[in-house]
Amino acid sequence: MATEPTEPKQHERSPDFVHRYANHVAFELNALDVRMVFGTTEKDAPTSQHTAITMTWAEAKILHHYLSGNLMIYEGLEGKIRIPSGAIPPPPPSLKEGASPERIAVANALRKLYDEFVAEQA
């Protein structure tokens, strides 16, 4: 049974609201939620992590929807975002021998997603 979309809620910033800049994000995952650890990185210096946000996987999927839509709008108006070659993330790790068919399918899908991302930068 499909649910009806809800009306947007009004937003109010709490007194301790903080705005931070980040040019790096790392992910920590478990079965219940995903944590994004934000920081800044500079040439020849370690990344300085300063903020972590933890959310449910459902909320992460909603975030994915809104980020994808906003990237689509931005690139539609401003042109493709090009990632500098030194900032392209490494490919996903290889699977260990004997992986299940489900894990192999996921690994193949991740590799395809990565290859498409890299190809867009050419």
Protein backbone atom coordinates (compact mmCIF):
# COMPACT_ATOMS: atom_id res chain seq x y z
CA MET A 1 0.00 0.00 0.00
CA ALA A 2 1.48 3.35 -1.07
CA THR A 3 1.63 6.20 1.38
CA GLU A 4 0.75 9.74 0.46
CA PRO A 5 3.56 12.32 0.52
CA THR A 6 3.41 14.57 3.54
CA GLU A 7 3.32 18.36 3.47
CA PRO A 8 6.73 19.98 4.00
CA LYS A 9 7.39 20.92 7.61
CA GLN A 10 8.51 24.34 8.72
CA HIS A 11 12.14 24.47 9.85
CA GLU A 12 13.49 26.28 12.87
CA ARG A 13 17.19 26.47 13.70
CA SER A 14 18.09 25.70 17.28
CA PRO A 15 20.16 28.21 19.28
CA ASP A 16 23.21 25.90 19.04
CA PHE A 17 22.99 25.55 15.22
CA VAL A 18 26.49 25.43 13.69
CA HIS A 19 27.59 25.90 10.08
CA ARG A 20 30.81 24.04 9.14
CA TYR A 21 32.76 23.71 5.92
CA ALA A 22 33.95 20.28 4.75
CA ASN A 23 35.82 19.10 1.68
CA HIS A 24 36.15 15.51 2.89
CA VAL A 25 33.69 12.89 4.10
CA ALA A 26 34.30 9.37 5.43
CA PHE A 27 31.62 6.78 6.04
CA GLU A 28 31.12 4.42 8.96
CA LEU A 29 28.40 1.82 8.38
CA ASN A 30 26.47 -0.72 10.41
CA ALA A 31 23.20 -2.60 10.05
CA LEU A 32 21.10 0.17 11.61
CA ASP A 33 22.60 3.42 10.40
CA VAL A 34 25.28 5.28 8.51
CA ARG A 35 27.64 7.84 10.00
CA MET A 36 29.24 10.51 7.84
CA VAL A 37 32.38 12.03 9.34
CA PHE A 38 33.17 15.41 7.82
CA GLY A 39 36.45 17.27 7.80
CA THR A 40 38.85 19.37 5.82
CA THR A 41 41.87 18.20 3.95
CA GLU A 42 44.74 20.23 2.63
CA LYS A 43 47.67 19.31 0.42
CA ASP A 44 50.38 17.40 2.30
CA ALA A 45 48.44 17.42 5.58
CA PRO A 46 46.26 14.82 7.27
CA THR A 47 42.50 15.27 7.11
CA SER A 48 41.14 17.13 10.12
CA GLN A 49 37.79 15.56 11.04
CA HIS A 50 35.44 17.91 12.88
CA THR A 51 31.81 16.75 12.62
CA ALA A 52 29.92 13.44 12.50
CA ILE A 53 26.30 13.01 11.48
CA THR A 54 24.57 9.67 12.04
CA MET A 55 21.30 8.80 10.33
CA THR A 56 19.15 5.79 9.59
CA TRP A 57 19.50 4.06 6.25
CA ALA A 58 16.02 5.29 5.33
CA GLU A 59 17.06 8.89 5.97
CA ALA A 60 20.27 8.28 3.99
CA LYS A 61 18.15 7.16 1.04
CA ILE A 62 16.05 10.34 1.31
CA LEU A 63 19.30 12.36 1.46
CA HIS A 64 20.47 10.56 -1.69
CA HIS A 65 17.23 11.58 -3.42
CA TYR A 66 17.64 15.26 -2.51
CA LEU A 67 21.38 15.37 -3.28
CA SER A 68 20.79 13.73 -6.69
CA GLY A 69 18.03 16.21 -7.49
CA ASN A 70 20.08 19.22 -6.42
CA LEU A 71 23.11 18.03 -8.40
CA MET A 72 20.87 17.56 -11.43
CA ILE A 73 19.56 21.12 -11.07
CA TYR A 74 23.03 22.61 -10.52
CA GLU A 75 24.60 20.80 -13.46
CA GLY A 76 21.62 21.59 -15.66
CA LEU A 77 22.08 25.31 -14.98
CA GLU A 78 25.86 25.61 -14.49
CA GLY A 79 27.35 22.71 -16.46
CA LYS A 80 28.94 19.43 -15.43
CA ILE A 81 30.96 19.37 -12.23
CA ARG A 82 34.43 18.06 -13.01
CA ILE A 83 36.35 16.29 -10.26
CA PRO A 84 40.12 16.93 -10.32
CA SER A 85 42.03 13.73 -11.13
CA GLY A 86 43.75 13.79 -7.73
CA ALA A 87 40.37 13.88 -5.96
CA ILE A 88 38.74 10.92 -7.71
CA PRO A 89 38.15 8.26 -5.08
CA PRO A 90 39.82 4.85 -5.42
CA PRO A 91 37.87 1.98 -6.96
CA PRO A 92 35.85 -0.30 -4.71
CA PRO A 93 37.87 -3.14 -3.17
CA SER A 94 37.91 -6.57 -4.77
CA LEU A 95 35.95 -9.42 -3.23
CA LYS A 96 37.63 -12.31 -1.49
CA GLU A 97 37.45 -15.67 -3.21
CA GLY A 98 34.30 -17.64 -2.47
CA ALA A 99 32.00 -14.63 -2.13
CA SER A 100 28.27 -15.30 -2.37
CA PRO A 101 26.41 -14.58 -5.62
CA GLU A 102 24.63 -11.69 -3.86
CA ARG A 103 27.92 -10.07 -2.84
CA ILE A 104 29.32 -10.59 -6.34
CA ALA A 105 26.26 -8.89 -7.84
CA VAL A 106 26.63 -5.93 -5.46
CA ALA A 107 30.38 -5.69 -6.15
CA ASN A 108 29.73 -5.69 -9.91
CA ALA A 109 27.09 -2.97 -9.54
CA LEU A 110 29.46 -0.86 -7.42
CA ARG A 111 32.24 -1.27 -9.97
CA LYS A 112 29.87 -0.23 -12.79
CA LEU A 113 28.81 2.84 -10.78
CA TYR A 114 32.46 3.71 -10.17
CA ASP A 115 33.44 3.24 -13.83
CA GLU A 116 30.55 5.47 -14.94
CA PHE A 117 31.60 8.14 -12.41
CA VAL A 118 35.20 8.09 -13.66
CA ALA A 119 34.09 8.14 -17.32
CA GLU A 120 32.03 11.29 -16.65
CA GLN A 121 35.24 13.06 -15.63
CA ALA A 122 36.92 12.51 -19.02
